[in-house]
C-alpha atoms as a PDB file:
ATOM      1  CA  UNK A   1      -9.964 -16.636 -15.831  1.00  0.00           C
ATOM      2  CA  UNK A   2      -6.475 -15.870 -14.618  1.00  0.00           C
ATOM      3  CA  UNK A   3      -5.236 -12.383 -13.923  1.00  0.00           C
ATOM      4  CA  UNK A   4      -3.255 -10.457 -16.537  1.00  0.00           C
ATOM      5  CA  UNK A   5       0.470 -10.991 -16.263  1.00  0.00           C
ATOM      6  CA  UNK A   6       2.981  -8.234 -16.676  1.00  0.00           C
ATOM      7  CA  UNK A   7       5.069  -9.268 -19.701  1.00  0.00           C
ATOM      8  CA  UNK A   8       8.155  -7.889 -17.978  1.00  0.00           C
ATOM      9  CA  UNK A   9       7.444  -9.965 -14.858  1.00  0.00           C
ATOM     10  CA  UNK A  10      10.392 -10.653 -12.608  1.00  0.00           C
ATOM     11  CA  UNK A  11      11.197 -10.583  -8.930  1.00  0.00           C
ATOM     12  CA  UNK A  12      11.654  -6.855  -8.479  1.00  0.00           C
ATOM     13  CA  UNK A  13      10.241  -6.971  -4.958  1.00  0.00           C
ATOM     14  CA  UNK A  14      12.244  -9.602  -3.170  1.00  0.00           C
ATOM     15  CA  UNK A  15      14.415  -9.649  -0.064  1.00  0.00           C
ATOM     16  CA  UNK A  16      18.054 -10.491  -0.462  1.00  0.00           C
ATOM     17  CA  UNK A  17      19.388 -12.974   2.087  1.00  0.00           C
ATOM     18  CA  UNK A  18      21.342 -10.147   3.699  1.00  0.00           C
ATOM     19  CA  UNK A  19      18.381  -7.760   4.005  1.00  0.00           C
ATOM     20  CA  UNK A  20      16.018 -10.410   5.341  1.00  0.00           C
ATOM     21  CA  UNK A  21      18.572 -11.642   7.883  1.00  0.00           C
ATOM     22  CA  UNK A  22      19.000  -8.071   9.170  1.00  0.00           C
ATOM     23  CA  UNK A  23      15.235  -7.663   9.556  1.00  0.00           C
ATOM     24  CA  UNK A  24      14.732 -10.872  11.515  1.00  0.00           C
ATOM     25  CA  UNK A  25      17.921 -10.491  13.535  1.00  0.00           C
ATOM     26  CA  UNK A  26      19.828 -13.625  12.565  1.00  0.00           C
ATOM     27  CA  UNK A  27      23.068 -14.055  10.640  1.00  0.00           C
ATOM     28  CA  UNK A  28      23.095 -15.001   6.971  1.00  0.00           C
ATOM     29  CA  UNK A  29      24.430 -18.503   7.603  1.00  0.00           C
ATOM     30  CA  UNK A  30      21.723 -19.360  10.135  1.00  0.00           C
ATOM     31  CA  UNK A  31      19.021 -18.111   7.778  1.00  0.00           C
ATOM     32  CA  UNK A  32      20.363 -20.050   4.808  1.00  0.00           C
ATOM     33  CA  UNK A  33      20.519 -23.199   6.907  1.00  0.00           C
ATOM     34  CA  UNK A  34      16.759 -23.019   7.428  1.00  0.00           C
ATOM     35  CA  UNK A  35      15.879 -22.151   3.840  1.00  0.00           C
ATOM     36  CA  UNK A  36      15.864 -24.538   0.919  1.00  0.00           C
ATOM     37  CA  UNK A  37      18.577 -23.657  -1.590  1.00  0.00           C
ATOM     38  CA  UNK A  38      16.271 -24.800  -4.391  1.00  0.00           C
ATOM     39  CA  UNK A  39      13.804 -22.045  -3.484  1.00  0.00           C
ATOM     40  CA  UNK A  40      16.285 -19.165  -3.539  1.00  0.00           C
ATOM     41  CA  UNK A  41      16.639 -16.881  -6.561  1.00  0.00           C
ATOM     42  CA  UNK A  42      19.863 -15.549  -8.025  1.00  0.00           C
ATOM     43  CA  UNK A  43      19.961 -11.737  -7.878  1.00  0.00           C
ATOM     44  CA  UNK A  44      22.317  -9.255  -9.570  1.00  0.00           C
ATOM     45  CA  UNK A  45      25.579  -8.626  -7.747  1.00  0.00           C
ATOM     46  CA  UNK A  46      26.135 -12.290  -6.863  1.00  0.00           C
ATOM     47  CA  UNK A  47      23.381 -12.223  -4.239  1.00  0.00           C
ATOM     48  CA  UNK A  48      20.633 -14.669  -3.383  1.00  0.00           C
ATOM     49  CA  UNK A  49      17.029 -13.609  -2.910  1.00  0.00           C
ATOM     50  CA  UNK A  50      14.244 -15.089  -0.797  1.00  0.00           C
ATOM     51  CA  UNK A  51      10.929 -15.260  -2.727  1.00  0.00           C
ATOM     52  CA  UNK A  52       7.842 -13.904  -0.944  1.00  0.00           C
ATOM     53  CA  UNK A  53       6.419 -17.393  -0.467  1.00  0.00           C
ATOM     54  CA  UNK A  54       9.579 -18.484   1.350  1.00  0.00           C
ATOM     55  CA  UNK A  55       9.588 -15.320   3.475  1.00  0.00           C
ATOM     56  CA  UNK A  56       6.019 -16.050   4.468  1.00  0.00           C
ATOM     57  CA  UNK A  57       6.778 -19.698   5.229  1.00  0.00           C
ATOM     58  CA  UNK A  58       9.722 -18.717   7.412  1.00  0.00           C
ATOM     59  CA  UNK A  59       7.770 -16.075   9.338  1.00  0.00           C
ATOM     60  CA  UNK A  60       4.785 -18.367   9.766  1.00  0.00           C
ATOM     61  CA  UNK A  61       7.024 -21.083  11.236  1.00  0.00           C
ATOM     62  CA  UNK A  62       8.169 -18.524  13.786  1.00  0.00           C
ATOM     63  CA  UNK A  63       4.721 -17.416  14.874  1.00  0.00           C
ATOM     64  CA  UNK A  64       3.769 -14.525  12.588  1.00  0.00           C
ATOM     65  CA  UNK A  65       0.088 -14.500  11.615  1.00  0.00           C
ATOM     66  CA  UNK A  66      -1.178 -12.801   8.465  1.00  0.00           C
ATOM     67  CA  UNK A  67      -4.383 -10.826   9.036  1.00  0.00           C
ATOM     68  CA  UNK A  68      -6.649  -8.911   6.649  1.00  0.00           C
ATOM     69  CA  UNK A  69      -6.287  -5.147   6.283  1.00  0.00           C
ATOM     70  CA  UNK A  70      -7.845  -2.667   3.864  1.00  0.00           C
ATOM     71  CA  UNK A  71      -6.020   0.675   3.732  1.00  0.00           C
ATOM     72  CA  UNK A  72      -7.423   3.655   1.814  1.00  0.00           C
ATOM     73  CA  UNK A  73      -5.023   6.531   1.168  1.00  0.00           C
ATOM     74  CA  UNK A  74      -7.037   9.729   1.132  1.00  0.00           C
ATOM     75  CA  UNK A  75      -6.223  13.433   1.229  1.00  0.00           C
ATOM     76  CA  UNK A  76      -8.457  16.016  -0.392  1.00  0.00           C
ATOM     77  CA  UNK A  77      -5.337  17.982  -1.265  1.00  0.00           C
ATOM     78  CA  UNK A  78      -3.004  16.588  -3.936  1.00  0.00           C
ATOM     79  CA  UNK A  79       0.776  16.463  -4.063  1.00  0.00           C
ATOM     80  CA  UNK A  80       1.269  14.967  -0.602  1.00  0.00           C
ATOM     81  CA  UNK A  81       2.840  11.634  -1.572  1.00  0.00           C
ATOM     82  CA  UNK A  82      -0.385   9.646  -1.550  1.00  0.00           C
ATOM     83  CA  UNK A  83       0.410   7.454  -4.558  1.00  0.00           C
ATOM     84  CA  UNK A  84       4.063   7.038  -3.576  1.00  0.00           C
ATOM     85  CA  UNK A  85       2.919   5.861  -0.159  1.00  0.00           C
ATOM     86  CA  UNK A  86       0.318   3.502  -1.619  1.00  0.00           C
ATOM     87  CA  UNK A  87       2.664   1.667  -3.967  1.00  0.00           C
ATOM     88  CA  UNK A  88       5.572   1.676  -1.504  1.00  0.00           C
ATOM     89  CA  UNK A  89       3.501   0.095   1.254  1.00  0.00           C
ATOM     90  CA  UNK A  90       2.010  -2.447  -1.147  1.00  0.00           C
ATOM     91  CA  UNK A  91       5.306  -3.596  -2.610  1.00  0.00           C
ATOM     92  CA  UNK A  92       6.891  -3.870   0.829  1.00  0.00           C
ATOM     93  CA  UNK A  93       3.984  -5.980   2.069  1.00  0.00           C
ATOM     94  CA  UNK A  94       4.367  -8.245  -0.972  1.00  0.00           C
ATOM     95  CA  UNK A  95       8.008  -8.795  -0.041  1.00  0.00           C
ATOM     96  CA  UNK A  96       6.809 -10.150   3.296  1.00  0.00           C
ATOM     97  CA  UNK A  97       4.655 -12.665   1.445  1.00  0.00           C
ATOM     98  CA  UNK A  98       1.352 -10.909   2.094  1.00  0.00           C
ATOM     99  CA  UNK A  99      -1.044 -11.363  -0.821  1.00  0.00           C
ATOM    100  CA  UNK A 100      -1.522  -7.723  -1.746  1.00  0.00           C
ATOM    101  CA  UNK A 101      -3.624  -5.823  -4.275  1.00  0.00           C
ATOM    102  CA  UNK A 102      -3.422  -2.145  -5.191  1.00  0.00           C
ATOM    103  CA  UNK A 103      -6.782  -0.736  -6.284  1.00  0.00           C
ATOM    104  CA  UNK A 104      -6.179   2.399  -8.337  1.00  0.00           C
ATOM    105  CA  UNK A 105      -9.354   4.494  -8.067  1.00  0.00           C
ATOM    106  CA  UNK A 106      -7.838   7.735  -9.360  1.00  0.00           C
ATOM    107  CA  UNK A 107      -8.600   8.584 -12.981  1.00  0.00           C
ATOM    108  CA  UNK A 108      -5.085  10.033 -13.299  1.00  0.00           C
ATOM    109  CA  UNK A 109      -3.849   6.417 -12.894  1.00  0.00           C
ATOM    110  CA  UNK A 110      -0.699   7.464 -11.057  1.00  0.00           C
ATOM    111  CA  UNK A 111      -0.433   4.217  -9.084  1.00  0.00           C
ATOM    112  CA  UNK A 112      -0.902   2.218 -12.280  1.00  0.00           C
ATOM    113  CA  UNK A 113       1.943   4.060 -13.987  1.00  0.00           C
ATOM    114  CA  UNK A 114       4.111   3.927 -10.853  1.00  0.00           C
ATOM    115  CA  UNK A 115       3.911   0.132 -11.007  1.00  0.00           C
ATOM    116  CA  UNK A 116       4.906   0.103 -14.670  1.00  0.00           C
ATOM    117  CA  UNK A 117       1.530  -0.858 -16.161  1.00  0.00           C
ATOM    118  CA  UNK A 118      -0.134   0.764 -19.165  1.00  0.00           C
ATOM    119  CA  UNK A 119      -3.450  -1.044 -19.716  1.00  0.00           C
ATOM    120  CA  UNK A 120      -5.148  -1.117 -23.097  1.00  0.00           C
ATOM    121  CA  UNK A 121      -8.391   0.763 -23.644  1.00  0.00           C
ATOM    122  CA  UNK A 122     -10.433  -2.428 -23.354  1.00  0.00           C
ATOM    123  CA  UNK A 123      -8.791  -3.672 -20.140  1.00  0.00           C
ATOM    124  CA  UNK A 124     -11.313  -3.553 -17.273  1.00  0.00           C
ATOM    125  CA  UNK A 125     -10.906  -0.998 -14.494  1.00  0.00           C
ATOM    126  CA  UNK A 126     -12.953  -0.319 -11.371  1.00  0.00           C
ATOM    127  CA  UNK A 127     -15.838   1.413 -13.143  1.00  0.00           C
ATOM    128  CA  UNK A 128     -16.258  -1.699 -15.325  1.00  0.00           C
ATOM    129  CA  UNK A 129     -16.303  -4.281 -12.542  1.00  0.00           C
ATOM    130  CA  UNK A 130     -17.905  -2.788  -9.425  1.00  0.00           C
ATOM    131  CA  UNK A 131     -21.390  -4.074 -10.306  1.00  0.00           C
ATOM    132  CA  UNK A 132     -20.148  -7.638 -11.015  1.00  0.00           C
ATOM    133  CA  UNK A 133     -16.967  -8.157  -8.974  1.00  0.00           C
ATOM    134  CA  UNK A 134     -17.518 -11.878  -8.339  1.00  0.00           C
ATOM    135  CA  UNK A 135     -17.801 -12.447 -12.089  1.00  0.00           C
ATOM    136  CA  UNK A 136     -15.015 -10.148 -13.276  1.00  0.00           C
ATOM    137  CA  UNK A 137     -12.337 -10.719 -10.638  1.00  0.00           C
ATOM    138  CA  UNK A 138      -9.575 -11.869 -10.713  1.00  0.00           C
ATOM    139  CA  UNK A 139      -9.445 -11.595 -14.519  1.00  0.00           C
ATOM    140  CA  UNK A 140      -9.359  -7.792 -14.262  1.00  0.00           C
ATOM    141  CA  UNK A 141      -6.242  -7.857 -12.069  1.00  0.00           C
ATOM    142  CA  UNK A 142      -2.677  -7.548 -13.252  1.00  0.00           C
ATOM    143  CA  UNK A 143      -0.314  -9.987 -11.577  1.00  0.00           C
ATOM    144  CA  UNK A 144       2.977  -8.154 -11.111  1.00  0.00           C
ATOM    145  CA  UNK A 145       4.707 -10.981  -9.287  1.00  0.00           C
ATOM    146  CA  UNK A 146       4.056 -13.428  -6.463  1.00  0.00           C
ATOM    147  CA  UNK A 147       1.796 -11.809  -3.860  1.00  0.00           C
ATOM    148  CA  UNK A 148       1.439  -8.512  -5.758  1.00  0.00           C
ATOM    149  CA  UNK A 149      -1.519  -7.539  -7.946  1.00  0.00           C
ATOM    150  CA  UNK A 150      -3.022  -4.359  -9.387  1.00  0.00           C
ATOM    151  CA  UNK A 151      -6.477  -3.255 -10.458  1.00  0.00           C
ATOM    152  CA  UNK A 152      -5.412  -0.501 -12.874  1.00  0.00           C
ATOM    153  CA  UNK A 153      -7.090   2.793 -13.612  1.00  0.00           C
ATOM    154  CA  UNK A 154      -7.612   5.132 -16.550  1.00  0.00           C
ATOM    155  CA  UNK A 155      -9.479   8.324 -17.393  1.00  0.00           C
ATOM    156  CA  UNK A 156     -12.788   6.445 -17.523  1.00  0.00           C
ATOM    157  CA  UNK A 157     -12.767   6.161 -13.725  1.00  0.00           C
ATOM    158  CA  UNK A 158     -13.441   9.900 -13.775  1.00  0.00           C
ATOM    159  CA  UNK A 159     -17.052   8.954 -14.592  1.00  0.00           C
ATOM    160  CA  UNK A 160     -17.556   7.296 -11.199  1.00  0.00           C
ATOM    161  CA  UNK A 161     -19.427  10.335  -9.903  1.00  0.00           C
ATOM    162  CA  UNK A 162     -22.084   9.614 -12.533  1.00  0.00           C
ATOM    163  CA  UNK A 163     -21.951   5.841 -12.219  1.00  0.00           C
ATOM    164  CA  UNK A 164     -22.201   5.961  -8.408  1.00  0.00           C
ATOM    165  CA  UNK A 165     -24.788   8.725  -8.115  1.00  0.00           C
ATOM    166  CA  UNK A 166     -26.975   6.708  -5.748  1.00  0.00           C
ATOM    167  CA  UNK A 167     -25.811   6.894  -2.080  1.00  0.00           C
ATOM    168  CA  UNK A 168     -26.324   3.156  -1.566  1.00  0.00           C
ATOM    169  CA  UNK A 169     -24.136   2.475  -4.590  1.00  0.00           C
ATOM    170  CA  UNK A 170     -21.464   4.675  -3.057  1.00  0.00           C
ATOM    171  CA  UNK A 171     -21.697   2.752   0.202  1.00  0.00           C
ATOM    172  CA  UNK A 172     -21.359  -0.681  -1.384  1.00  0.00           C
ATOM    173  CA  UNK A 173     -19.323  -0.320  -4.601  1.00  0.00           C
ATOM    174  CA  UNK A 174     -15.761  -0.459  -3.259  1.00  0.00           C
ATOM    175  CA  UNK A 175     -16.824  -2.630  -0.315  1.00  0.00           C
ATOM    176  CA  UNK A 176     -18.249  -5.229  -2.686  1.00  0.00           C
ATOM    177  CA  UNK A 177     -15.028  -5.431  -4.686  1.00  0.00           C
ATOM    178  CA  UNK A 178     -12.959  -5.657  -1.496  1.00  0.00           C
ATOM    179  CA  UNK A 179     -15.134  -8.444  -0.113  1.00  0.00           C
ATOM    180  CA  UNK A 180     -14.632 -10.513  -3.268  1.00  0.00           C
ATOM    181  CA  UNK A 181     -10.878  -9.946  -3.146  1.00  0.00           C
ATOM    182  CA  UNK A 182     -10.814 -11.026   0.488  1.00  0.00           C
ATOM    183  CA  UNK A 183     -12.723 -14.197  -0.426  1.00  0.00           C
ATOM    184  CA  UNK A 184     -10.096 -14.824  -3.097  1.00  0.00           C
ATOM    185  CA  UNK A 185      -7.343 -14.846  -0.491  1.00  0.00           C
ATOM    186  CA  UNK A 186      -6.055 -11.279  -0.548  1.00  0.00           C
ATOM    187  CA  UNK A 187      -4.834 -10.074   2.835  1.00  0.00           C
ATOM    188  CA  UNK A 188      -3.853  -6.469   2.168  1.00  0.00           C
ATOM    189  CA  UNK A 189      -5.803  -4.110  -0.079  1.00  0.00           C
ATOM    190  CA  UNK A 190      -4.314  -0.680  -0.755  1.00  0.00           C
ATOM    191  CA  UNK A 191      -6.745   1.858  -2.234  1.00  0.00           C
ATOM    192  CA  UNK A 192      -5.190   4.860  -3.988  1.00  0.00           C
ATOM    193  CA  UNK A 193      -7.904   7.539  -4.106  1.00  0.00           C
ATOM    194  CA  UNK A 194      -8.246  10.785  -6.080  1.00  0.00           C
ATOM    195  CA  UNK A 195      -7.610  14.097  -4.258  1.00  0.00           C
ATOM    196  CA  UNK A 196     -11.239  15.224  -4.304  1.00  0.00           C
ATOM    197  CA  UNK A 197     -14.429  14.456  -2.423  1.00  0.00           C
ATOM    198  CA  UNK A 198     -16.202  12.411  -5.056  1.00  0.00           C
ATOM    199  CA  UNK A 199     -17.843   9.012  -5.287  1.00  0.00           C
ATOM    200  CA  UNK A 200     -14.543   7.107  -5.307  1.00  0.00           C
ATOM    201  CA  UNK A 201     -13.392   8.651  -2.022  1.00  0.00           C
ATOM    202  CA  UNK A 202     -16.794   8.239  -0.377  1.00  0.00           C
ATOM    203  CA  UNK A 203     -17.004   4.598  -1.417  1.00  0.00           C
ATOM    204  CA  UNK A 204     -13.408   3.890  -0.350  1.00  0.00           C
ATOM    205  CA  UNK A 205     -14.010   5.446   3.058  1.00  0.00           C
ATOM    206  CA  UNK A 206     -17.024   3.160   3.511  1.00  0.00           C
ATOM    207  CA  UNK A 207     -14.900   0.086   2.740  1.00  0.00           C
ATOM    208  CA  UNK A 208     -11.629   0.823   4.519  1.00  0.00           C
ATOM    209  CA  UNK A 209     -10.516  -0.677   7.804  1.00  0.00           C
ATOM    210  CA  UNK A 210      -7.848   2.050   7.933  1.00  0.00           C
ATOM    211  CA  UNK A 211      -7.768   5.485   6.300  1.00  0.00           C
ATOM    212  CA  UNK A 212      -4.214   6.742   5.924  1.00  0.00           C
ATOM    213  CA  UNK A 213      -3.877  10.491   5.336  1.00  0.00           C
ATOM    214  CA  UNK A 214      -0.505  11.515   3.879  1.00  0.00           C
ATOM    215  CA  UNK A 215       0.348  15.123   4.670  1.00  0.00           C
ATOM    216  CA  UNK A 216       3.158  17.540   3.806  1.00  0.00           C
ATOM    217  CA  UNK A 217       4.379  20.657   5.586  1.00  0.00           C
ATOM    218  CA  UNK A 218       2.679  23.342   3.472  1.00  0.00           C
ATOM    219  CA  UNK A 219      -0.399  25.209   4.698  1.00  0.00           C
ATOM    220  CA  UNK A 220      -2.670  23.751   1.997  1.00  0.00           C
ATOM    221  CA  UNK A 221      -1.667  20.259   3.057  1.00  0.00           C
ATOM    222  CA  UNK A 222      -2.601  21.016   6.658  1.00  0.00           C
ATOM    223  CA  UNK A 223      -5.997  22.258   5.502  1.00  0.00           C
ATOM    224  CA  UNK A 224      -6.420  19.098   3.445  1.00  0.00           C
ATOM    225  CA  UNK A 225      -5.732  17.022   6.554  1.00  0.00           C
ATOM    226  CA  UNK A 226      -8.417  18.796   8.569  1.00  0.00           C
ATOM    227  CA  UNK A 227     -10.963  18.541   5.754  1.00  0.00           C
ATOM    228  CA  UNK A 228     -10.197  14.866   5.172  1.00  0.00           C
ATOM    229  CA  UNK A 229     -10.641  13.961   8.837  1.00  0.00           C
ATOM    230  CA  UNK A 230     -13.887  15.924   8.914  1.00  0.00           C
ATOM    231  CA  UNK A 231     -15.286  14.372   5.742  1.00  0.00           C
ATOM    232  CA  UNK A 232     -14.354  10.764   6.564  1.00  0.00           C
ATOM    233  CA  UNK A 233     -16.130  11.081   9.906  1.00  0.00           C
ATOM    234  CA  UNK A 234     -19.138  12.680   8.206  1.00  0.00           C
ATOM    235  CA  UNK A 235     -19.287   9.879   5.614  1.00  0.00           C
ATOM    236  CA  UNK A 236     -19.312   7.229   8.329  1.00  0.00           C
ATOM    237  CA  UNK A 237     -21.994   9.078  10.268  1.00  0.00           C
ATOM    238  CA  UNK A 238     -24.152   9.509   7.174  1.00  0.00           C
ATOM    239  CA  UNK A 239     -24.031   5.814   6.321  1.00  0.00           C
ATOM    240  CA  UNK A 240     -24.226   4.585   9.912  1.00  0.00           C
ATOM    241  CA  UNK A 241     -20.788   2.969   9.761  1.00  0.00           C
ATOM    242  CA  UNK A 242     -18.133   2.554  12.411  1.00  0.00           C
ATOM    243  CA  UNK A 243     -15.174   4.838  11.814  1.00  0.00           C
ATOM    244  CA  UNK A 244     -12.119   3.168  10.308  1.00  0.00           C
ATOM    245  CA  UNK A 245      -8.812   3.631  12.039  1.00  0.00           C
ATOM    246  CA  UNK A 246      -7.622   7.121  11.118  1.00  0.00           C
ATOM    247  CA  UNK A 247      -3.872   7.433  10.646  1.00  0.00           C
ATOM    248  CA  UNK A 248      -1.764  10.397   9.554  1.00  0.00           C
ATOM    249  CA  UNK A 249       1.562  10.055   7.742  1.00  0.00           C
ATOM    250  CA  UNK A 250       3.988  12.977   7.446  1.00  0.00           C
ATOM    251  CA  UNK A 251       5.478  12.351   4.017  1.00  0.00           C
ATOM    252  CA  UNK A 252       7.742  15.313   3.307  1.00  0.00           C
ATOM    253  CA  UNK A 253      10.076  15.514   6.256  1.00  0.00           C
ATOM    254  CA  UNK A 254      13.289  17.392   5.519  1.00  0.00           C
ATOM    255  CA  UNK A 255      15.223  18.289   8.648  1.00  0.00           C
ATOM    256  CA  UNK A 256      17.003  21.040   6.717  1.00  0.00           C
ATOM    257  CA  UNK A 257      13.690  22.906   6.394  1.00  0.00           C
ATOM    258  CA  UNK A 258      12.633  24.640   9.593  1.00  0.00           C
ATOM    259  CA  UNK A 259       8.939  24.538   8.693  1.00  0.00           C
ATOM    260  CA  UNK A 260       9.085  20.751   8.458  1.00  0.00           C
ATOM    261  CA  UNK A 261      10.091  20.512  12.124  1.00  0.00           C
ATOM    262  CA  UNK A 262       7.400  23.035  13.057  1.00  0.00           C
ATOM    263  CA  UNK A 263       4.733  20.965  11.314  1.00  0.00           C
ATOM    264  CA  UNK A 264       6.010  17.688  12.747  1.00  0.00           C
ATOM    265  CA  UNK A 265       5.874  19.134  16.266  1.00  0.00           C
ATOM    266  CA  UNK A 266       2.332  20.370  15.612  1.00  0.00           C
ATOM    267  CA  UNK A 267       1.217  16.972  14.327  1.00  0.00           C
ATOM    268  CA  UNK A 268       2.768  15.207  17.315  1.00  0.00           C
ATOM    269  CA  UNK A 269       0.981  17.548  19.724  1.00  0.00           C
ATOM    270  CA  UNK A 270      -2.395  17.674  17.960  1.00  0.00           C
ATOM    271  CA  UNK A 271      -2.758  14.176  16.518  1.00  0.00           C
ATOM    272  CA  UNK A 272      -0.639  12.069  18.846  1.00  0.00           C
ATOM    273  CA  UNK A 273      -2.881   9.001  18.664  1.00  0.00           C
ATOM    274  CA  UNK A 274      -3.382   9.077  14.876  1.00  0.00           C
ATOM    275  CA  UNK A 275       0.134  10.014  13.762  1.00  0.00           C
ATOM    276  CA  UNK A 276       2.398   7.303  12.376  1.00  0.00           C
ATOM    277  CA  UNK A 277       5.386   7.695  14.713  1.00  0.00           C
ATOM    278  CA  UNK A 278       8.079   7.900  12.024  1.00  0.00           C
ATOM    279  CA  UNK A 279       7.850  10.508   9.214  1.00  0.00           C
ATOM    280  CA  UNK A 280       8.893   9.739   5.650  1.00  0.00           C
ATOM    281  CA  UNK A 281      12.129  11.545   4.929  1.00  0.00           C
ATOM    282  CA  UNK A 282      12.587  13.259   1.573  1.00  0.00           C
ATOM    283  CA  UNK A 283      14.954  11.656  -0.914  1.00  0.00           C
ATOM    284  CA  UNK A 284      15.634  11.708  -4.642  1.00  0.00           C
ATOM    285  CA  UNK A 285      15.076   7.945  -4.681  1.00  0.00           C
ATOM    286  CA  UNK A 286      11.331   8.454  -5.006  1.00  0.00           C
ATOM    287  CA  UNK A 287      11.687  10.381  -8.268  1.00  0.00           C
ATOM    288  CA  UNK A 288      14.186   7.874  -9.655  1.00  0.00           C
ATOM    289  CA  UNK A 289      11.930   4.938  -8.811  1.00  0.00           C
ATOM    290  CA  UNK A 290       8.848   6.617 -10.270  1.00  0.00           C
ATOM    291  CA  UNK A 291      10.630   7.213 -13.555  1.00  0.00           C
ATOM    292  CA  UNK A 292      11.447   3.510 -13.845  1.00  0.00           C
ATOM    293  CA  UNK A 293       7.913   2.244 -13.242  1.00  0.00           C
ATOM    294  CA  UNK A 294       8.975   0.645  -9.983  1.00  0.00           C
ATOM    295  CA  UNK A 295       9.062   1.590  -6.313  1.00  0.00           C
ATOM    296  CA  UNK A 296      11.992   2.137  -3.977  1.00  0.00           C
ATOM    297  CA  UNK A 297      11.745  -1.496  -2.864  1.00  0.00           C
ATOM    298  CA  UNK A 298      12.874  -2.721  -6.282  1.00  0.00           C
ATOM    299  CA  UNK A 299      16.393  -1.471  -5.558  1.00  0.00           C
ATOM    300  CA  UNK A 300      18.954  -3.351  -3.505  1.00  0.00           C
ATOM    301  CA  UNK A 301      20.668  -1.968  -0.450  1.00  0.00           C
ATOM    302  CA  UNK A 302      19.487   0.023   2.525  1.00  0.00           C
ATOM    303  CA  UNK A 303      18.068   3.541   2.432  1.00  0.00           C
ATOM    304  CA  UNK A 304      16.190   5.965   4.663  1.00  0.00           C
ATOM    305  CA  UNK A 305      13.169   5.770   2.363  1.00  0.00           C
ATOM    306  CA  UNK A 306      12.931   1.980   2.630  1.00  0.00           C
ATOM    307  CA  UNK A 307      13.429   2.096   6.392  1.00  0.00           C
ATOM    308  CA  UNK A 308      10.708   4.715   6.840  1.00  0.00           C
ATOM    309  CA  UNK A 309       8.081   2.916   4.765  1.00  0.00           C
ATOM    310  CA  UNK A 310       8.932  -0.411   6.378  1.00  0.00           C
ATOM    311  CA  UNK A 311       8.306   1.197   9.779  1.00  0.00           C
ATOM    312  CA  UNK A 312       5.057   2.705   8.502  1.00  0.00           C
ATOM    313  CA  UNK A 313       3.874  -0.673   7.200  1.00  0.00           C
ATOM    314  CA  UNK A 314       4.590  -2.337  10.524  1.00  0.00           C
ATOM    315  CA  UNK A 315       2.614   0.375  12.301  1.00  0.00           C
ATOM    316  CA  UNK A 316      -0.426   0.068  10.037  1.00  0.00           C
ATOM    317  CA  UNK A 317      -0.306  -3.703   9.592  1.00  0.00           C
ATOM    318  CA  UNK A 318       1.314  -4.707  12.886  1.00  0.00           C
ATOM    319  CA  UNK A 319       4.249  -7.034  12.569  1.00  0.00           C
ATOM    320  CA  UNK A 320       6.773  -7.865  15.246  1.00  0.00           C
ATOM    321  CA  UNK A 321       9.681  -9.895  13.924  1.00  0.00           C
ATOM    322  CA  UNK A 322      12.287 -11.026  16.402  1.00  0.00           C
ATOM    323  CA  UNK A 323      15.006 -13.683  16.314  1.00  0.00           C
ATOM    324  CA  UNK A 324      13.504 -17.198  16.224  1.00  0.00           C
ATOM    325  CA  UNK A 325      14.264 -17.951  19.859  1.00  0.00           C
ATOM    326  CA  UNK A 326      11.994 -15.125  21.022  1.00  0.00           C
ATOM    327  CA  UNK A 327       8.260 -14.638  20.655  1.00  0.00           C
ATOM    328  CA  UNK A 328       6.923 -12.925  17.560  1.00  0.00           C
ATOM    329  CA  UNK A 329       3.709 -11.021  17.032  1.00  0.00           C
ATOM    330  CA  UNK A 330       1.276 -10.942  14.169  1.00  0.00           C
ATOM    331  CA  UNK A 331       1.030  -9.393  10.768  1.00  0.00           C
END
């Protein structure tokens, strides 16, 4: 069966010619000369957009390779920008033509709502499919647009602690779903986890290639960071697994707040190897995007928020895009 399709489907997450040309370092005319006019999409404001498939084709021609990555966003303290980071990274990756799926494992379903989806009561969620992922995927997924999919959540995922009571079930549940998605061609999986040490977090930590820990500048957030690092390492030790890459993302950087600089300096000194080098600056754009059921990457134009999350994505899912005459790296 095919995935569900968002009835309001459109190309919200698409590069304009101007934005893509700035990213790859060529002028608009040179870029348009290499792209097929038939494949471009008319955008508001008399602009032309480059669909994800065309972005991917262009980058592939110039040496970029698309590699698999499974990123779990975990912090045992809430309110640190975990869901905002999850959906922002996913939608940006989709713009690059990476086949991306957001797995919402939080019973609050914040990522589901942030992407504008309100599933019906009988629509399958993670707790319904984890035992039979090969059979139930991809029909359980919502296709938001080319390269972007969602496994939604609802309150019933709050029963995962009962459903995954057995340690071996915890070890394999999320991993099994991720393996099926990888077999179906997905290249980036983004797992939005609840802010508590339950079965969903344990299972996600067992499956992830990278655990990204968003953190703010308040004292509780710092404690959540320490506990999360401790627990992820303990989970891997308990199950005899190699540790995923552990990365820390400072999500609430406001240079006007002295404590934010204090915390950033502390993170740089204490977690130099794990810290994503660029913090996410605060902006009202996040609240505006959340209220519309979209992410910041659905809007046109440049912004600090888009720049910061683009840099974060490139750090977690390495991509080096240079003008065509120079060598490029891999995604």
